[in-house]
Amino acid sequence: MITLRRGKFYVLLLPACLSVMQVGVVHAAMVGTDEALAAEQHDAARDRVQALVNRADIRQRLQDMGIQASAARARIAALSDAEVASLTATMDKQPAGGDLGQTDLIVILLLAILLVIVI
């Protein structure tokens, strides 16, 4: 009967264990500036939308519509990056209140001219 010493046993066990383990392949690559900037912009856009839910007036409006702020936050977190970008683009296009359009200015000027003529 062959007896193995403890040291030889470990020497034989190690290759057997390594052959059974599966080793994954790792790929390393440089992250481009565009990719890093895009990720930063997506995070900033998501934070901007999340900040809206934290405002007291927005929370009150959501509660009036039957939506809890926590549910709104969860829905915002579930949005894809493209949906968040679309939402923030829509927010940027909306007037900030009190914004007069070109048509409004023309009507005001016509009314002012009519008042000057009549008076």
N, C-alpha and C. Protein backbone atom coordinates (compact mmCIF):
# COMPACT_ATOMS: atom_id res chain seq x y z
N MET A 1 0.83 -1.17 0.00
CA MET A 1 0.00 0.00 0.00
C MET A 1 0.88 1.24 0.00
N ILE A 2 0.50 2.15 -0.87
CA ILE A 2 1.30 3.38 -1.00
C ILE A 2 0.72 4.43 -0.06
N THR A 3 1.55 4.99 0.71
CA THR A 3 1.10 6.05 1.59
C THR A 3 1.59 7.38 1.05
N LEU A 4 0.70 8.33 1.04
CA LEU A 4 1.06 9.67 0.57
C LEU A 4 1.31 10.56 1.77
N ARG A 5 2.34 11.28 1.65
CA ARG A 5 2.57 12.25 2.71
C ARG A 5 1.65 13.43 2.48
N ARG A 6 1.45 14.19 3.51
CA ARG A 6 0.54 15.31 3.47
C ARG A 6 0.92 16.31 2.37
N GLY A 7 2.17 16.63 2.20
CA GLY A 7 2.63 17.59 1.20
C GLY A 7 2.33 17.11 -0.22
N LYS A 8 2.56 15.82 -0.48
CA LYS A 8 2.27 15.29 -1.81
C LYS A 8 0.77 15.28 -2.08
N PHE A 9 -0.02 15.03 -1.05
CA PHE A 9 -1.46 15.02 -1.21
C PHE A 9 -1.97 16.37 -1.68
N TYR A 10 -1.47 17.44 -1.05
CA TYR A 10 -1.90 18.79 -1.45
C TYR A 10 -1.40 19.14 -2.85
N VAL A 11 -0.24 18.66 -3.20
CA VAL A 11 0.29 18.93 -4.53
C VAL A 11 -0.59 18.26 -5.58
N LEU A 12 -1.11 17.12 -5.30
CA LEU A 12 -1.99 16.42 -6.23
C LEU A 12 -3.42 16.99 -6.20
N LEU A 13 -3.86 17.47 -5.05
CA LEU A 13 -5.21 18.00 -4.90
C LEU A 13 -5.38 19.35 -5.58
N LEU A 14 -4.37 20.18 -5.54
CA LEU A 14 -4.47 21.53 -6.11
C LEU A 14 -4.76 21.52 -7.61
N PRO A 15 -4.03 20.78 -8.44
CA PRO A 15 -4.38 20.76 -9.87
C PRO A 15 -5.76 20.17 -10.13
N ALA A 16 -6.16 19.22 -9.33
CA ALA A 16 -7.48 18.63 -9.52
C ALA A 16 -8.57 19.67 -9.24
N CYS A 17 -8.40 20.43 -8.19
CA CYS A 17 -9.38 21.47 -7.85
C CYS A 17 -9.40 22.57 -8.91
N LEU A 18 -8.23 22.97 -9.39
CA LEU A 18 -8.16 24.02 -10.40
C LEU A 18 -8.77 23.57 -11.73
N SER A 19 -8.67 22.29 -12.04
CA SER A 19 -9.24 21.81 -13.30
C SER A 19 -10.77 21.76 -13.23
N VAL A 20 -11.33 21.63 -12.04
CA VAL A 20 -12.78 21.58 -11.88
C VAL A 20 -13.37 22.99 -11.91
N MET A 21 -12.66 23.98 -11.40
CA MET A 21 -13.16 25.35 -11.35
C MET A 21 -13.20 25.95 -12.75
N GLN A 22 -14.25 26.71 -13.01
CA GLN A 22 -14.34 27.41 -14.28
C GLN A 22 -13.85 28.83 -14.08
N VAL A 23 -13.00 29.24 -14.95
CA VAL A 23 -12.43 30.58 -14.86
C VAL A 23 -13.06 31.42 -15.95
N GLY A 24 -13.64 32.55 -15.58
CA GLY A 24 -14.25 33.44 -16.55
C GLY A 24 -13.20 34.30 -17.23
N VAL A 25 -13.56 34.78 -18.40
CA VAL A 25 -12.66 35.64 -19.16
C VAL A 25 -13.00 37.09 -18.85
N VAL A 26 -12.00 37.87 -18.58
CA VAL A 26 -12.18 39.28 -18.26
C VAL A 26 -11.60 40.11 -19.39
N HIS A 27 -12.36 41.06 -19.84
CA HIS A 27 -11.90 41.96 -20.89
C HIS A 27 -11.73 43.35 -20.30
N ALA A 28 -10.59 43.91 -20.49
CA ALA A 28 -10.33 45.28 -20.03
C ALA A 28 -10.29 46.19 -21.25
N ALA A 29 -10.89 47.34 -21.09
CA ALA A 29 -10.89 48.30 -22.19
C ALA A 29 -10.88 49.71 -21.60
N MET A 30 -10.42 50.62 -22.39
CA MET A 30 -10.42 52.02 -21.97
C MET A 30 -11.84 52.56 -22.08
N VAL A 31 -12.24 53.37 -21.13
CA VAL A 31 -13.53 54.02 -21.18
C VAL A 31 -13.31 55.37 -21.83
N GLY A 32 -14.01 55.61 -22.91
CA GLY A 32 -13.87 56.86 -23.64
C GLY A 32 -14.52 58.02 -22.91
N THR A 33 -14.10 59.20 -23.26
CA THR A 33 -14.66 60.41 -22.66
C THR A 33 -16.14 60.52 -22.95
N ASP A 34 -16.55 60.17 -24.16
CA ASP A 34 -17.96 60.25 -24.52
C ASP A 34 -18.81 59.33 -23.66
N GLU A 35 -18.31 58.11 -23.43
CA GLU A 35 -19.06 57.16 -22.62
C GLU A 35 -19.16 57.64 -21.17
N ALA A 36 -18.08 58.14 -20.64
CA ALA A 36 -18.08 58.62 -19.26
C ALA A 36 -18.99 59.84 -19.12
N LEU A 37 -18.94 60.74 -20.10
CA LEU A 37 -19.77 61.94 -20.06
C LEU A 37 -21.24 61.58 -20.20
N ALA A 38 -21.55 60.61 -21.07
CA ALA A 38 -22.94 60.19 -21.24
C ALA A 38 -23.49 59.59 -19.95
N ALA A 39 -22.69 58.78 -19.30
CA ALA A 39 -23.13 58.18 -18.02
C ALA A 39 -23.36 59.27 -16.98
N GLU A 40 -22.49 60.25 -16.95
CA GLU A 40 -22.64 61.37 -16.00
C GLU A 40 -23.91 62.16 -16.30
N GLN A 41 -24.20 62.39 -17.57
CA GLN A 41 -25.39 63.15 -17.95
C GLN A 41 -26.66 62.37 -17.63
N HIS A 42 -26.63 61.05 -17.82
CA HIS A 42 -27.80 60.25 -17.48
C HIS A 42 -28.07 60.31 -15.98
N ASP A 43 -27.02 60.24 -15.19
CA ASP A 43 -27.18 60.32 -13.73
C ASP A 43 -27.71 61.69 -13.32
N ALA A 44 -27.20 62.75 -13.94
CA ALA A 44 -27.65 64.11 -13.61
C ALA A 44 -29.11 64.30 -14.00
N ALA A 45 -29.51 63.76 -15.14
CA ALA A 45 -30.91 63.88 -15.58
C ALA A 45 -31.83 63.14 -14.62
N ARG A 46 -31.43 61.95 -14.21
CA ARG A 46 -32.25 61.17 -13.28
C ARG A 46 -32.36 61.88 -11.93
N ASP A 47 -31.25 62.47 -11.47
CA ASP A 47 -31.27 63.22 -10.20
C ASP A 47 -32.18 64.44 -10.31
N ARG A 48 -32.19 65.06 -11.48
CA ARG A 48 -33.03 66.25 -11.69
C ARG A 48 -34.51 65.88 -11.60
N VAL A 49 -34.88 64.75 -12.19
CA VAL A 49 -36.27 64.31 -12.13
C VAL A 49 -36.62 63.88 -10.70
N GLN A 50 -35.71 63.20 -10.04
CA GLN A 50 -35.95 62.80 -8.64
C GLN A 50 -36.12 64.03 -7.74
N ALA A 51 -35.37 65.09 -8.03
CA ALA A 51 -35.46 66.31 -7.22
C ALA A 51 -36.84 66.94 -7.33
N LEU A 52 -37.49 66.78 -8.46
CA LEU A 52 -38.85 67.32 -8.60
C LEU A 52 -39.80 66.68 -7.61
N VAL A 53 -39.67 65.38 -7.42
CA VAL A 53 -40.57 64.67 -6.51
C VAL A 53 -40.33 65.11 -5.07
N ASN A 54 -39.15 65.59 -4.78
CA ASN A 54 -38.83 66.02 -3.42
C ASN A 54 -39.40 67.40 -3.09
N ARG A 55 -39.83 68.14 -4.11
CA ARG A 55 -40.41 69.47 -3.85
C ARG A 55 -41.79 69.31 -3.21
N ALA A 56 -42.08 70.18 -2.25
CA ALA A 56 -43.34 70.07 -1.50
C ALA A 56 -44.56 70.27 -2.40
N ASP A 57 -44.51 71.24 -3.32
CA ASP A 57 -45.67 71.49 -4.17
C ASP A 57 -45.93 70.33 -5.13
N ILE A 58 -44.87 69.71 -5.61
CA ILE A 58 -45.03 68.56 -6.51
C ILE A 58 -45.58 67.37 -5.73
N ARG A 59 -45.06 67.16 -4.52
CA ARG A 59 -45.58 66.06 -3.69
C ARG A 59 -47.07 66.24 -3.41
N GLN A 60 -47.48 67.48 -3.15
CA GLN A 60 -48.89 67.76 -2.88
C GLN A 60 -49.74 67.46 -4.11
N ARG A 61 -49.25 67.87 -5.29
CA ARG A 61 -49.98 67.59 -6.54
C ARG A 61 -50.10 66.08 -6.77
N LEU A 62 -49.00 65.35 -6.51
CA LEU A 62 -49.04 63.90 -6.68
C LEU A 62 -50.05 63.27 -5.72
N GLN A 63 -50.07 63.74 -4.47
CA GLN A 63 -51.01 63.20 -3.49
C GLN A 63 -52.44 63.53 -3.89
N ASP A 64 -52.66 64.72 -4.47
CA ASP A 64 -54.00 65.08 -4.95
C ASP A 64 -54.46 64.14 -6.06
N MET A 65 -53.51 63.64 -6.84
CA MET A 65 -53.84 62.71 -7.92
C MET A 65 -53.83 61.26 -7.44
N GLY A 66 -53.56 61.04 -6.15
CA GLY A 66 -53.58 59.69 -5.58
C GLY A 66 -52.29 58.92 -5.75
N ILE A 67 -51.18 59.62 -5.97
CA ILE A 67 -49.88 58.96 -6.16
C ILE A 67 -49.00 59.31 -4.98
N GLN A 68 -48.49 58.30 -4.32
CA GLN A 68 -47.56 58.52 -3.21
C GLN A 68 -46.19 58.91 -3.76
N ALA A 69 -45.46 59.74 -3.03
CA ALA A 69 -44.13 60.18 -3.47
C ALA A 69 -43.18 58.99 -3.59
N SER A 70 -43.30 58.04 -2.69
CA SER A 70 -42.42 56.86 -2.76
C SER A 70 -42.68 56.04 -4.02
N ALA A 71 -43.95 55.95 -4.42
CA ALA A 71 -44.29 55.23 -5.65
C ALA A 71 -43.74 55.98 -6.87
N ALA A 72 -43.80 57.31 -6.83
CA ALA A 72 -43.27 58.10 -7.94
C ALA A 72 -41.75 57.93 -8.04
N ARG A 73 -41.08 57.92 -6.88
CA ARG A 73 -39.62 57.71 -6.89
C ARG A 73 -39.27 56.34 -7.47
N ALA A 74 -40.05 55.33 -7.11
CA ALA A 74 -39.80 53.97 -7.62
C ALA A 74 -40.02 53.92 -9.13
N ARG A 75 -41.03 54.62 -9.61
CA ARG A 75 -41.28 54.65 -11.05
C ARG A 75 -40.17 55.38 -11.78
N ILE A 76 -39.67 56.46 -11.20
CA ILE A 76 -38.57 57.20 -11.83
C ILE A 76 -37.32 56.33 -11.87
N ALA A 77 -37.07 55.58 -10.81
CA ALA A 77 -35.90 54.70 -10.77
C ALA A 77 -36.01 53.60 -11.82
N ALA A 78 -37.23 53.20 -12.16
CA ALA A 78 -37.43 52.14 -13.14
C ALA A 78 -37.34 52.62 -14.59
N LEU A 79 -37.32 53.93 -14.80
CA LEU A 79 -37.25 54.46 -16.17
C LEU A 79 -35.90 54.14 -16.80
N SER A 80 -35.92 53.91 -18.09
CA SER A 80 -34.65 53.70 -18.81
C SER A 80 -33.97 55.05 -19.02
N ASP A 81 -32.71 55.02 -19.41
CA ASP A 81 -31.98 56.26 -19.64
C ASP A 81 -32.61 57.07 -20.78
N ALA A 82 -33.11 56.40 -21.80
CA ALA A 82 -33.75 57.10 -22.92
C ALA A 82 -35.03 57.79 -22.47
N GLU A 83 -35.81 57.13 -21.60
CA GLU A 83 -37.05 57.73 -21.10
C GLU A 83 -36.75 58.94 -20.22
N VAL A 84 -35.72 58.85 -19.40
CA VAL A 84 -35.35 60.00 -18.56
C VAL A 84 -34.88 61.16 -19.43
N ALA A 85 -34.09 60.86 -20.46
CA ALA A 85 -33.62 61.91 -21.36
C ALA A 85 -34.79 62.57 -22.07
N SER A 86 -35.76 61.79 -22.50
CA SER A 86 -36.94 62.34 -23.16
C SER A 86 -37.74 63.22 -22.20
N LEU A 87 -37.87 62.78 -20.97
CA LEU A 87 -38.61 63.55 -19.97
C LEU A 87 -37.92 64.87 -19.66
N THR A 88 -36.61 64.85 -19.48
CA THR A 88 -35.90 66.10 -19.19
C THR A 88 -35.90 67.03 -20.41
N ALA A 89 -35.88 66.48 -21.62
CA ALA A 89 -35.96 67.32 -22.82
C ALA A 89 -37.31 68.01 -22.89
N THR A 90 -38.36 67.29 -22.52
CA THR A 90 -39.70 67.88 -22.48
C THR A 90 -39.78 68.95 -21.41
N MET A 91 -39.16 68.71 -20.27
CA MET A 91 -39.15 69.71 -19.19
C MET A 91 -38.43 70.97 -19.62
N ASP A 92 -37.34 70.81 -20.38
CA ASP A 92 -36.58 71.97 -20.82
C ASP A 92 -37.35 72.82 -21.83
N LYS A 93 -38.24 72.21 -22.59
CA LYS A 93 -39.01 72.94 -23.60
C LYS A 93 -40.18 73.71 -23.01
N GLN A 94 -40.62 73.34 -21.82
CA GLN A 94 -41.78 73.97 -21.22
C GLN A 94 -41.43 75.36 -20.70
N PRO A 95 -42.32 76.34 -20.89
CA PRO A 95 -42.05 77.68 -20.35
C PRO A 95 -42.08 77.66 -18.83
N ALA A 96 -41.34 78.54 -18.24
CA ALA A 96 -41.20 78.57 -16.78
C ALA A 96 -42.30 79.38 -16.11
N GLY A 97 -43.34 79.69 -16.82
CA GLY A 97 -44.44 80.48 -16.26
C GLY A 97 -44.21 81.96 -16.53
N GLY A 98 -45.27 82.64 -16.94
CA GLY A 98 -45.14 84.06 -17.25
C GLY A 98 -44.42 84.32 -18.56
N ASP A 99 -44.23 83.30 -19.35
CA ASP A 99 -43.53 83.44 -20.61
C ASP A 99 -44.53 83.85 -21.68
N LEU A 100 -44.30 85.01 -22.27
CA LEU A 100 -45.17 85.48 -23.32
C LEU A 100 -44.62 85.04 -24.67
N GLY A 101 -45.50 84.50 -25.47
CA GLY A 101 -45.10 84.09 -26.81
C GLY A 101 -45.18 85.28 -27.76
N GLN A 102 -44.78 85.05 -28.98
CA GLN A 102 -44.79 86.11 -29.99
C GLN A 102 -46.21 86.57 -30.27
N THR A 103 -47.16 85.66 -30.30
CA THR A 103 -48.55 86.01 -30.56
C THR A 103 -49.09 86.90 -29.44
N ASP A 104 -48.74 86.58 -28.21
CA ASP A 104 -49.20 87.38 -27.08
C ASP A 104 -48.67 88.81 -27.18
N LEU A 105 -47.42 88.97 -27.56
CA LEU A 105 -46.85 90.31 -27.68
C LEU A 105 -47.53 91.11 -28.79
N ILE A 106 -47.85 90.46 -29.90
CA ILE A 106 -48.52 91.16 -31.01
C ILE A 106 -49.90 91.63 -30.58
N VAL A 107 -50.64 90.79 -29.86
CA VAL A 107 -51.97 91.18 -29.38
C VAL A 107 -51.87 92.35 -28.42
N ILE A 108 -50.91 92.33 -27.53
CA ILE A 108 -50.74 93.43 -26.57
C ILE A 108 -50.39 94.72 -27.30
N LEU A 109 -49.50 94.65 -28.30
CA LEU A 109 -49.15 95.85 -29.07
C LEU A 109 -50.34 96.39 -29.85
N LEU A 110 -51.13 95.52 -30.44
CA LEU A 110 -52.32 95.97 -31.17
C LEU A 110 -53.33 96.64 -30.24
N LEU A 111 -53.51 96.06 -29.06
CA LEU A 111 -54.41 96.68 -28.09
C LEU A 111 -53.88 98.04 -27.63
N ALA A 112 -52.57 98.14 -27.43
CA ALA A 112 -51.98 99.42 -27.02
C ALA A 112 -52.16 100.46 -28.12
N ILE A 113 -51.97 100.07 -29.38
CA ILE A 113 -52.15 101.01 -30.50
C ILE A 113 -53.61 101.45 -30.61
N LEU A 114 -54.53 100.50 -30.44
CA LEU A 114 -55.95 100.85 -30.47
C LEU A 114 -56.32 101.81 -29.35
N LEU A 115 -55.78 101.60 -28.16
CA LEU A 115 -56.05 102.50 -27.04
C LEU A 115 -55.51 103.90 -27.32
N VAL A 116 -54.34 103.99 -27.93
CA VAL A 116 -53.75 105.30 -28.24
C VAL A 116 -54.61 106.02 -29.29
N ILE A 117 -55.08 105.26 -30.28
CA ILE A 117 -55.91 105.87 -31.33
C ILE A 117 -57.26 106.32 -30.78
N VAL A 118 -57.88 105.52 -29.95
CA VAL A 118 -59.19 105.84 -29.40
C VAL A 118 -59.10 106.99 -28.42
N ILE A 119 -58.10 107.06 -27.63
CA ILE A 119 -57.98 108.11 -26.60
C ILE A 119 -57.45 109.32 -27.25
